Amino acid sequence: MTKLFDMPTKTGKQRGILSIYLLNSLKKKPKSGYELLSEIKEKTDGAWTPSKGTIYPLLKHLEEEGLIKVKRVDKRSKHIFEVALEGKKVLSNVKKQGKQMEEKFIQFRNLISEIISPKEIEIVNLLFDIRIASISKIGKNKGEVVKILETCLLNLNKIILDKSVKWNKKDKKGFHN
């Protein structure tokens, strides 16, 4: 069974989500290994930070594959990496594969929903539909879509908080569902 988010390379090797993320991040702006570690920690809200023993060998491997290159070497031999042309091609290919994966996922969403959340299948399917509608072809309506989704989330949180408060009041009075 293949791992989720592994992308095959031309040689058949798998490229994991961390490699893809590093390429994407370096495409936006050249960075050092330390900056990449800090960025990942921030993006995962501190839940995960790869070790230096993971990130630096991976950067070296990506450099050896010609996907990234050293832009410059700063004080104390601090290497600043940037994505190479070949790395940009890999990212473009990953995005194409991602769209294909998403199409397959949509085709099988009822099966997946049944496996993941059989009791909430109606809600899960609605969330899929909302995701598709909000991302596809929104163009200049992006701000409006974001406002609608933020309002929806706010209202859902109010409902959840309201029910939680009611349940706590019942529990304190000795009533149980």
N, C-alpha and C. Protein backbone atom coordinates (compact mmCIF):
# COMPACT_ATOMS: atom_id res chain seq x y z
N MET A 1 0.85 -1.18 0.00
CA MET A 1 0.00 0.00 0.00
C MET A 1 0.89 1.24 0.00
N THR A 2 0.61 2.19 -0.86
CA THR A 2 1.44 3.40 -0.93
C THR A 2 1.02 4.39 0.14
N LYS A 3 1.96 5.22 0.51
CA LYS A 3 1.69 6.23 1.54
C LYS A 3 0.92 7.39 0.93
N LEU A 4 0.06 7.96 1.75
CA LEU A 4 -0.68 9.15 1.33
C LEU A 4 0.31 10.29 1.11
N PHE A 5 0.14 11.03 0.06
CA PHE A 5 0.95 12.18 -0.29
C PHE A 5 2.33 11.83 -0.84
N ASP A 6 2.60 10.57 -1.11
CA ASP A 6 3.84 10.23 -1.78
C ASP A 6 3.64 10.42 -3.26
N MET A 7 4.60 11.04 -3.91
CA MET A 7 4.53 11.31 -5.33
C MET A 7 5.67 10.57 -6.01
N PRO A 8 5.38 9.70 -6.98
CA PRO A 8 6.47 8.98 -7.64
C PRO A 8 7.33 9.91 -8.49
N THR A 9 8.62 9.63 -8.54
CA THR A 9 9.54 10.38 -9.37
C THR A 9 9.73 9.63 -10.68
N LYS A 10 10.51 10.18 -11.59
CA LYS A 10 10.77 9.52 -12.87
C LYS A 10 11.44 8.17 -12.67
N THR A 11 12.25 8.06 -11.62
CA THR A 11 12.97 6.81 -11.36
C THR A 11 12.12 5.83 -10.56
N GLY A 12 10.91 6.22 -10.20
CA GLY A 12 10.03 5.34 -9.45
C GLY A 12 10.12 5.51 -7.95
N LYS A 13 11.10 6.31 -7.49
CA LYS A 13 11.21 6.56 -6.05
C LYS A 13 10.03 7.43 -5.61
N GLN A 14 9.72 7.38 -4.34
CA GLN A 14 8.63 8.18 -3.81
C GLN A 14 9.16 9.49 -3.24
N ARG A 15 8.43 10.55 -3.46
CA ARG A 15 8.77 11.86 -2.92
C ARG A 15 7.66 12.21 -1.94
N GLY A 16 8.00 12.37 -0.67
CA GLY A 16 7.01 12.62 0.36
C GLY A 16 6.56 14.05 0.45
N ILE A 17 5.58 14.27 1.29
CA ILE A 17 4.98 15.59 1.47
C ILE A 17 6.01 16.61 1.95
N LEU A 18 6.98 16.19 2.76
CA LEU A 18 7.98 17.14 3.26
C LEU A 18 8.84 17.66 2.11
N SER A 19 9.25 16.78 1.22
CA SER A 19 10.03 17.22 0.05
C SER A 19 9.24 18.19 -0.79
N ILE A 20 7.99 17.87 -1.04
CA ILE A 20 7.13 18.74 -1.84
C ILE A 20 6.95 20.09 -1.16
N TYR A 21 6.75 20.06 0.16
CA TYR A 21 6.58 21.31 0.89
C TYR A 21 7.84 22.17 0.80
N LEU A 22 9.01 21.55 0.95
CA LEU A 22 10.27 22.30 0.87
C LEU A 22 10.41 22.97 -0.50
N LEU A 23 10.12 22.21 -1.55
CA LEU A 23 10.20 22.79 -2.90
C LEU A 23 9.25 23.98 -3.04
N ASN A 24 8.02 23.79 -2.56
CA ASN A 24 7.02 24.85 -2.67
C ASN A 24 7.44 26.09 -1.88
N SER A 25 7.94 25.88 -0.68
CA SER A 25 8.35 27.00 0.16
C SER A 25 9.53 27.74 -0.46
N LEU A 26 10.49 26.99 -0.99
CA LEU A 26 11.66 27.63 -1.61
C LEU A 26 11.31 28.30 -2.94
N LYS A 27 10.24 27.88 -3.56
CA LYS A 27 9.78 28.54 -4.78
C LYS A 27 9.30 29.95 -4.45
N LYS A 28 8.67 30.10 -3.29
CA LYS A 28 8.15 31.41 -2.88
C LYS A 28 9.27 32.38 -2.51
N LYS A 29 10.31 31.82 -1.81
CA LYS A 29 11.38 32.68 -1.32
C LYS A 29 12.57 31.80 -0.90
N PRO A 30 13.79 32.18 -1.28
CA PRO A 30 14.96 31.43 -0.82
C PRO A 30 15.06 31.45 0.71
N LYS A 31 15.48 30.32 1.29
CA LYS A 31 15.53 30.20 2.76
C LYS A 31 16.65 29.27 3.18
N SER A 32 17.01 29.38 4.44
CA SER A 32 17.98 28.46 5.04
C SER A 32 17.22 27.27 5.62
N GLY A 33 17.95 26.23 5.98
CA GLY A 33 17.34 25.06 6.61
C GLY A 33 16.64 25.45 7.91
N TYR A 34 17.31 26.32 8.69
CA TYR A 34 16.71 26.76 9.95
C TYR A 34 15.39 27.49 9.71
N GLU A 35 15.35 28.35 8.69
CA GLU A 35 14.11 29.07 8.38
C GLU A 35 13.00 28.10 7.97
N LEU A 36 13.37 27.06 7.24
CA LEU A 36 12.38 26.06 6.84
C LEU A 36 11.84 25.32 8.06
N LEU A 37 12.74 24.94 8.97
CA LEU A 37 12.31 24.27 10.21
C LEU A 37 11.33 25.16 10.99
N SER A 38 11.69 26.42 11.14
CA SER A 38 10.83 27.36 11.88
C SER A 38 9.48 27.53 11.19
N GLU A 39 9.50 27.60 9.87
CA GLU A 39 8.27 27.77 9.10
C GLU A 39 7.34 26.56 9.28
N ILE A 40 7.90 25.37 9.23
CA ILE A 40 7.09 24.15 9.41
C ILE A 40 6.50 24.12 10.81
N LYS A 41 7.30 24.46 11.79
CA LYS A 41 6.80 24.51 13.17
C LYS A 41 5.62 25.47 13.28
N GLU A 42 5.76 26.64 12.65
CA GLU A 42 4.69 27.65 12.67
C GLU A 42 3.44 27.14 11.94
N LYS A 43 3.64 26.54 10.75
CA LYS A 43 2.50 26.07 9.94
C LYS A 43 1.73 24.94 10.61
N THR A 44 2.42 24.16 11.46
CA THR A 44 1.75 23.06 12.15
C THR A 44 1.35 23.44 13.58
N ASP A 45 1.39 24.74 13.86
CA ASP A 45 1.07 25.26 15.20
C ASP A 45 1.89 24.56 16.29
N GLY A 46 3.15 24.24 15.95
CA GLY A 46 4.05 23.61 16.92
C GLY A 46 3.82 22.13 17.11
N ALA A 47 2.85 21.56 16.40
CA ALA A 47 2.54 20.13 16.56
C ALA A 47 3.64 19.24 16.01
N TRP A 48 4.37 19.73 15.01
CA TRP A 48 5.43 18.92 14.42
C TRP A 48 6.52 19.81 13.87
N THR A 49 7.74 19.46 14.19
CA THR A 49 8.91 20.09 13.59
C THR A 49 9.86 18.96 13.24
N PRO A 50 10.21 18.82 11.97
CA PRO A 50 11.17 17.77 11.64
C PRO A 50 12.52 18.07 12.31
N SER A 51 13.26 17.04 12.62
CA SER A 51 14.55 17.24 13.26
C SER A 51 15.57 17.76 12.23
N LYS A 52 16.65 18.31 12.74
CA LYS A 52 17.73 18.74 11.85
C LYS A 52 18.28 17.54 11.09
N GLY A 53 18.25 16.37 11.74
CA GLY A 53 18.72 15.13 11.11
C GLY A 53 17.81 14.66 9.99
N THR A 54 16.64 15.24 9.89
CA THR A 54 15.73 14.94 8.78
C THR A 54 15.85 15.99 7.69
N ILE A 55 15.79 17.24 8.10
CA ILE A 55 15.69 18.33 7.11
C ILE A 55 16.99 18.55 6.33
N TYR A 56 18.13 18.54 7.00
CA TYR A 56 19.38 18.83 6.30
C TYR A 56 19.78 17.73 5.31
N PRO A 57 19.67 16.46 5.67
CA PRO A 57 19.94 15.43 4.65
C PRO A 57 18.94 15.49 3.49
N LEU A 58 17.70 15.85 3.77
CA LEU A 58 16.70 15.97 2.72
C LEU A 58 17.05 17.13 1.78
N LEU A 59 17.48 18.25 2.33
CA LEU A 59 17.91 19.38 1.50
C LEU A 59 19.11 18.98 0.64
N LYS A 60 20.04 18.25 1.22
CA LYS A 60 21.21 17.80 0.45
C LYS A 60 20.76 16.87 -0.68
N HIS A 61 19.83 15.98 -0.39
CA HIS A 61 19.32 15.06 -1.40
C HIS A 61 18.61 15.82 -2.53
N LEU A 62 17.79 16.79 -2.16
CA LEU A 62 17.09 17.60 -3.17
C LEU A 62 18.09 18.37 -4.03
N GLU A 63 19.18 18.82 -3.39
CA GLU A 63 20.21 19.54 -4.14
C GLU A 63 20.92 18.57 -5.11
N GLU A 64 21.23 17.37 -4.63
CA GLU A 64 21.89 16.37 -5.49
C GLU A 64 21.01 15.98 -6.68
N GLU A 65 19.70 15.98 -6.49
CA GLU A 65 18.76 15.67 -7.57
C GLU A 65 18.58 16.84 -8.54
N GLY A 66 19.14 17.99 -8.18
CA GLY A 66 19.01 19.17 -9.04
C GLY A 66 17.69 19.89 -8.89
N LEU A 67 16.97 19.62 -7.79
CA LEU A 67 15.67 20.25 -7.56
C LEU A 67 15.79 21.59 -6.84
N ILE A 68 16.84 21.71 -6.03
CA ILE A 68 17.13 22.99 -5.37
C ILE A 68 18.60 23.29 -5.58
N LYS A 69 18.98 24.54 -5.32
CA LYS A 69 20.39 24.92 -5.42
C LYS A 69 20.70 25.94 -4.33
N VAL A 70 21.97 26.04 -4.01
CA VAL A 70 22.40 27.03 -3.03
C VAL A 70 22.47 28.38 -3.74
N LYS A 71 21.71 29.32 -3.22
CA LYS A 71 21.72 30.67 -3.80
C LYS A 71 22.95 31.44 -3.31
N ARG A 72 23.21 31.27 -2.01
CA ARG A 72 24.39 31.93 -1.43
C ARG A 72 24.72 31.26 -0.09
N VAL A 73 25.93 31.52 0.37
CA VAL A 73 26.37 31.03 1.67
C VAL A 73 26.64 32.25 2.53
N ASP A 74 25.89 32.36 3.64
CA ASP A 74 26.03 33.50 4.54
C ASP A 74 27.06 33.21 5.63
N LYS A 75 27.05 34.06 6.64
CA LYS A 75 27.95 33.89 7.79
C LYS A 75 27.81 32.49 8.37
N ARG A 76 28.88 31.99 8.92
CA ARG A 76 28.93 30.68 9.57
C ARG A 76 28.44 29.57 8.64
N SER A 77 28.73 29.67 7.38
CA SER A 77 28.40 28.65 6.36
C SER A 77 26.90 28.36 6.27
N LYS A 78 26.10 29.36 6.56
CA LYS A 78 24.64 29.19 6.47
C LYS A 78 24.24 29.21 4.99
N HIS A 79 23.72 28.07 4.53
CA HIS A 79 23.32 27.94 3.13
C HIS A 79 21.90 28.46 2.93
N ILE A 80 21.72 29.30 1.93
CA ILE A 80 20.40 29.80 1.55
C ILE A 80 20.04 29.08 0.26
N PHE A 81 18.95 28.31 0.32
CA PHE A 81 18.53 27.49 -0.82
C PHE A 81 17.41 28.17 -1.60
N GLU A 82 17.36 27.85 -2.89
CA GLU A 82 16.25 28.27 -3.73
C GLU A 82 15.88 27.11 -4.63
N VAL A 83 14.66 27.12 -5.13
CA VAL A 83 14.22 26.04 -6.00
C VAL A 83 14.86 26.22 -7.38
N ALA A 84 15.27 25.10 -7.96
CA ALA A 84 15.87 25.11 -9.30
C ALA A 84 14.77 24.88 -10.34
N LEU A 85 15.10 25.06 -11.59
CA LEU A 85 14.14 24.87 -12.67
C LEU A 85 13.51 23.47 -12.62
N GLU A 86 14.34 22.47 -12.39
CA GLU A 86 13.83 21.09 -12.31
C GLU A 86 12.85 20.94 -11.14
N GLY A 87 13.12 21.63 -10.04
CA GLY A 87 12.21 21.61 -8.88
C GLY A 87 10.87 22.24 -9.21
N LYS A 88 10.91 23.31 -10.01
CA LYS A 88 9.66 23.96 -10.44
C LYS A 88 8.85 23.01 -11.32
N LYS A 89 9.54 22.23 -12.15
CA LYS A 89 8.85 21.26 -12.99
C LYS A 89 8.19 20.18 -12.13
N VAL A 90 8.89 19.74 -11.10
CA VAL A 90 8.33 18.73 -10.19
C VAL A 90 7.08 19.28 -9.52
N LEU A 91 7.14 20.52 -9.04
CA LEU A 91 5.98 21.13 -8.40
C LEU A 91 4.80 21.23 -9.36
N SER A 92 5.06 21.59 -10.58
CA SER A 92 4.00 21.67 -11.59
C SER A 92 3.36 20.30 -11.80
N ASN A 93 4.20 19.28 -11.86
CA ASN A 93 3.71 17.91 -12.03
C ASN A 93 2.89 17.46 -10.82
N VAL A 94 3.34 17.82 -9.63
CA VAL A 94 2.62 17.46 -8.40
C VAL A 94 1.24 18.10 -8.39
N LYS A 95 1.17 19.36 -8.83
CA LYS A 95 -0.13 20.04 -8.88
C LYS A 95 -1.07 19.34 -9.85
N LYS A 96 -0.53 18.91 -10.99
CA LYS A 96 -1.35 18.16 -11.95
C LYS A 96 -1.83 16.86 -11.34
N GLN A 97 -0.91 16.14 -10.67
CA GLN A 97 -1.27 14.89 -10.02
C GLN A 97 -2.28 15.14 -8.90
N GLY A 98 -2.10 16.26 -8.19
CA GLY A 98 -3.03 16.61 -7.12
C GLY A 98 -4.44 16.80 -7.64
N LYS A 99 -4.56 17.44 -8.80
CA LYS A 99 -5.88 17.63 -9.41
C LYS A 99 -6.48 16.28 -9.80
N GLN A 100 -5.64 15.39 -10.32
CA GLN A 100 -6.12 14.06 -10.68
C GLN A 100 -6.54 13.28 -9.44
N MET A 101 -5.74 13.40 -8.36
CA MET A 101 -6.09 12.73 -7.10
C MET A 101 -7.42 13.26 -6.56
N GLU A 102 -7.60 14.56 -6.66
CA GLU A 102 -8.84 15.17 -6.18
C GLU A 102 -10.04 14.68 -6.99
N GLU A 103 -9.87 14.57 -8.30
CA GLU A 103 -10.96 14.06 -9.14
C GLU A 103 -11.32 12.63 -8.76
N LYS A 104 -10.29 11.79 -8.51
CA LYS A 104 -10.54 10.41 -8.08
C LYS A 104 -11.23 10.40 -6.72
N PHE A 105 -10.78 11.27 -5.83
CA PHE A 105 -11.36 11.36 -4.50
C PHE A 105 -12.85 11.72 -4.59
N ILE A 106 -13.17 12.66 -5.47
CA ILE A 106 -14.56 13.07 -5.66
C ILE A 106 -15.40 11.90 -6.17
N GLN A 107 -14.84 11.12 -7.10
CA GLN A 107 -15.56 9.98 -7.65
C GLN A 107 -15.90 8.96 -6.57
N PHE A 108 -15.00 8.82 -5.61
CA PHE A 108 -15.18 7.80 -4.57
C PHE A 108 -15.59 8.38 -3.22
N ARG A 109 -16.05 9.63 -3.22
CA ARG A 109 -16.31 10.30 -1.94
C ARG A 109 -17.37 9.61 -1.11
N ASN A 110 -18.40 9.05 -1.71
CA ASN A 110 -19.42 8.38 -0.93
C ASN A 110 -18.85 7.15 -0.22
N LEU A 111 -17.98 6.43 -0.91
CA LEU A 111 -17.34 5.28 -0.26
C LEU A 111 -16.44 5.74 0.87
N ILE A 112 -15.66 6.78 0.60
CA ILE A 112 -14.75 7.30 1.61
C ILE A 112 -15.53 7.86 2.80
N SER A 113 -16.59 8.59 2.52
CA SER A 113 -17.42 9.15 3.60
C SER A 113 -18.01 8.04 4.46
N GLU A 114 -18.43 6.98 3.83
CA GLU A 114 -19.01 5.85 4.55
C GLU A 114 -17.98 5.22 5.49
N ILE A 115 -16.74 5.16 5.04
CA ILE A 115 -15.68 4.57 5.86
C ILE A 115 -15.32 5.50 7.00
N ILE A 116 -15.14 6.78 6.69
CA ILE A 116 -14.67 7.74 7.69
C ILE A 116 -15.75 8.12 8.68
N SER A 117 -16.94 8.48 8.22
CA SER A 117 -17.99 9.00 9.09
C SER A 117 -19.36 8.49 8.66
N PRO A 118 -19.65 7.21 8.87
CA PRO A 118 -20.93 6.69 8.39
C PRO A 118 -22.15 7.39 9.01
N LYS A 119 -22.04 7.85 10.25
CA LYS A 119 -23.17 8.50 10.91
C LYS A 119 -23.38 9.93 10.41
N GLU A 120 -22.31 10.55 9.95
CA GLU A 120 -22.38 11.94 9.51
C GLU A 120 -22.21 12.07 8.00
N ILE A 121 -22.58 11.05 7.25
CA ILE A 121 -22.33 11.05 5.80
C ILE A 121 -22.98 12.25 5.12
N GLU A 122 -24.15 12.66 5.58
CA GLU A 122 -24.83 13.81 4.98
C GLU A 122 -24.00 15.09 5.15
N ILE A 123 -23.47 15.26 6.35
CA ILE A 123 -22.65 16.45 6.63
C ILE A 123 -21.33 16.39 5.86
N VAL A 124 -20.70 15.22 5.84
CA VAL A 124 -19.43 15.07 5.14
C VAL A 124 -19.61 15.35 3.65
N ASN A 125 -20.67 14.83 3.05
CA ASN A 125 -20.91 15.08 1.63
C ASN A 125 -21.19 16.55 1.36
N LEU A 126 -21.90 17.20 2.27
CA LEU A 126 -22.16 18.64 2.12
C LEU A 126 -20.84 19.42 2.21
N LEU A 127 -19.95 19.02 3.11
CA LEU A 127 -18.65 19.68 3.22
C LEU A 127 -17.84 19.52 1.94
N PHE A 128 -17.89 18.33 1.34
CA PHE A 128 -17.22 18.12 0.05
C PHE A 128 -17.77 19.08 -0.99
N ASP A 129 -19.10 19.18 -1.04
CA ASP A 129 -19.73 20.07 -2.03
C ASP A 129 -19.35 21.53 -1.79
N ILE A 130 -19.32 21.93 -0.53
CA ILE A 130 -18.93 23.30 -0.20
C ILE A 130 -17.50 23.56 -0.62
N ARG A 131 -16.62 22.60 -0.36
CA ARG A 131 -15.21 22.75 -0.75
C ARG A 131 -15.08 22.92 -2.26
N ILE A 132 -15.74 22.07 -2.99
CA ILE A 132 -15.67 22.13 -4.46
C ILE A 132 -16.23 23.46 -4.96
N ALA A 133 -17.39 23.85 -4.44
CA ALA A 133 -18.02 25.09 -4.89
C ALA A 133 -17.20 26.32 -4.52
N SER A 134 -16.57 26.30 -3.35
CA SER A 134 -15.85 27.48 -2.90
C SER A 134 -14.49 27.63 -3.56
N ILE A 135 -13.91 26.56 -4.05
CA ILE A 135 -12.58 26.62 -4.65
C ILE A 135 -12.62 26.75 -6.16
N SER A 136 -13.58 26.09 -6.80
CA SER A 136 -13.57 26.07 -8.26
C SER A 136 -14.14 27.35 -8.84
N LYS A 137 -13.36 27.96 -9.68
CA LYS A 137 -13.77 29.11 -10.48
C LYS A 137 -14.38 30.27 -9.68
N ILE A 138 -13.81 30.59 -8.50
CA ILE A 138 -14.36 31.69 -7.72
C ILE A 138 -13.89 33.05 -8.22
N GLY A 139 -12.69 33.09 -8.81
CA GLY A 139 -12.18 34.33 -9.40
C GLY A 139 -12.29 35.54 -8.49
N LYS A 140 -12.99 36.56 -8.96
CA LYS A 140 -13.06 37.81 -8.21
C LYS A 140 -14.04 37.75 -7.05
N ASN A 141 -14.74 36.63 -6.88
CA ASN A 141 -15.68 36.48 -5.76
C ASN A 141 -15.03 35.89 -4.52
N LYS A 142 -13.72 35.78 -4.52
CA LYS A 142 -13.01 35.13 -3.41
C LYS A 142 -13.35 35.77 -2.06
N GLY A 143 -13.32 37.09 -2.00
CA GLY A 143 -13.62 37.78 -0.74
C GLY A 143 -15.01 37.45 -0.22
N GLU A 144 -15.96 37.41 -1.12
CA GLU A 144 -17.34 37.08 -0.75
C GLU A 144 -17.45 35.64 -0.25
N VAL A 145 -16.76 34.73 -0.93
CA VAL A 145 -16.77 33.32 -0.52
C VAL A 145 -16.16 33.18 0.87
N VAL A 146 -15.04 33.86 1.11
CA VAL A 146 -14.39 33.80 2.42
C VAL A 146 -15.33 34.31 3.51
N LYS A 147 -16.01 35.43 3.26
CA LYS A 147 -16.96 35.98 4.25
C LYS A 147 -18.07 34.98 4.56
N ILE A 148 -18.62 34.35 3.53
CA ILE A 148 -19.70 33.37 3.72
C ILE A 148 -19.20 32.20 4.56
N LEU A 149 -18.01 31.68 4.24
CA LEU A 149 -17.47 30.54 4.98
C LEU A 149 -17.13 30.93 6.42
N GLU A 150 -16.60 32.12 6.63
CA GLU A 150 -16.31 32.58 8.00
C GLU A 150 -17.58 32.71 8.81
N THR A 151 -18.65 33.24 8.20
CA THR A 151 -19.94 33.37 8.87
C THR A 151 -20.50 31.99 9.22
N CYS A 152 -20.37 31.06 8.28
CA CYS A 152 -20.83 29.69 8.51
C CYS A 152 -20.10 29.07 9.70
N LEU A 153 -18.79 29.22 9.72
CA LEU A 153 -17.99 28.67 10.82
C LEU A 153 -18.35 29.31 12.15
N LEU A 154 -18.54 30.61 12.13
CA LEU A 154 -18.93 31.33 13.35
C LEU A 154 -20.27 30.80 13.87
N ASN A 155 -21.23 30.62 12.97
CA ASN A 155 -22.55 30.11 13.37
C ASN A 155 -22.47 28.68 13.89
N LEU A 156 -21.67 27.84 13.25
CA LEU A 156 -21.49 26.47 13.73
C LEU A 156 -20.88 26.46 15.13
N ASN A 157 -19.87 27.31 15.33
CA ASN A 157 -19.25 27.38 16.66
C ASN A 157 -20.23 27.87 17.71
N LYS A 158 -21.11 28.79 17.35
CA LYS A 158 -22.14 29.27 18.28
C LYS A 158 -23.07 28.13 18.68
N ILE A 159 -23.48 27.33 17.69
CA ILE A 159 -24.37 26.19 17.96
C ILE A 159 -23.68 25.20 18.90
N ILE A 160 -22.43 24.88 18.59
CA ILE A 160 -21.68 23.93 19.41
C ILE A 160 -21.49 24.47 20.81
N LEU A 161 -21.11 25.73 20.94
CA LEU A 161 -20.90 26.35 22.24
C LEU A 161 -22.22 26.40 23.01
N ASP A 162 -23.30 26.78 22.35
CA ASP A 162 -24.62 26.87 22.99
C ASP A 162 -25.04 25.50 23.53
N LYS A 163 -24.88 24.45 22.74
CA LYS A 163 -25.26 23.10 23.19
C LYS A 163 -24.37 22.68 24.35
N SER A 164 -23.08 23.01 24.27
CA SER A 164 -22.16 22.65 25.34
C SER A 164 -22.56 23.30 26.65
N VAL A 165 -22.95 24.56 26.59
CA VAL A 165 -23.37 25.29 27.80
C VAL A 165 -24.64 24.65 28.36
N LYS A 166 -25.61 24.31 27.49
CA LYS A 166 -26.85 23.67 27.94
C LYS A 166 -26.57 22.33 28.58
N TRP A 167 -25.66 21.54 27.97
CA TRP A 167 -25.33 20.23 28.54
C TRP A 167 -24.69 20.38 29.90
N ASN A 168 -23.81 21.37 30.05
CA ASN A 168 -23.16 21.59 31.34
C ASN A 168 -24.19 21.98 32.40
N LYS A 169 -25.16 22.81 32.04
CA LYS A 169 -26.20 23.21 32.99
C LYS A 169 -27.02 21.99 33.41
N LYS A 170 -27.36 21.13 32.46
CA LYS A 170 -28.11 19.91 32.78
C LYS A 170 -27.31 19.03 33.73
N ASP A 171 -26.02 18.85 33.43
CA ASP A 171 -25.18 18.00 34.27
C ASP A 171 -25.08 18.54 35.69
N LYS A 172 -25.01 19.85 35.83
CA LYS A 172 -24.91 20.44 37.16
C LYS A 172 -26.19 20.26 37.97
N LYS A 173 -27.33 20.19 37.29
CA LYS A 173 -28.61 20.00 37.96
C LYS A 173 -28.92 18.53 38.19
N GLY A 174 -28.06 17.66 37.66
CA GLY A 174 -28.27 16.23 37.85
C GLY A 174 -29.05 15.59 36.73
N PHE A 175 -29.36 16.31 35.66
CA PHE A 175 -30.08 15.74 34.53
C PHE A 175 -29.07 15.18 33.53
N HIS A 176 -29.40 14.06 32.95
CA HIS A 176 -28.53 13.46 31.94
C HIS A 176 -29.38 13.04 30.77
N ASN A 177 -28.76 13.05 29.57
CA ASN A 177 -29.48 12.63 28.34
C ASN A 177 -29.86 11.18 28.39
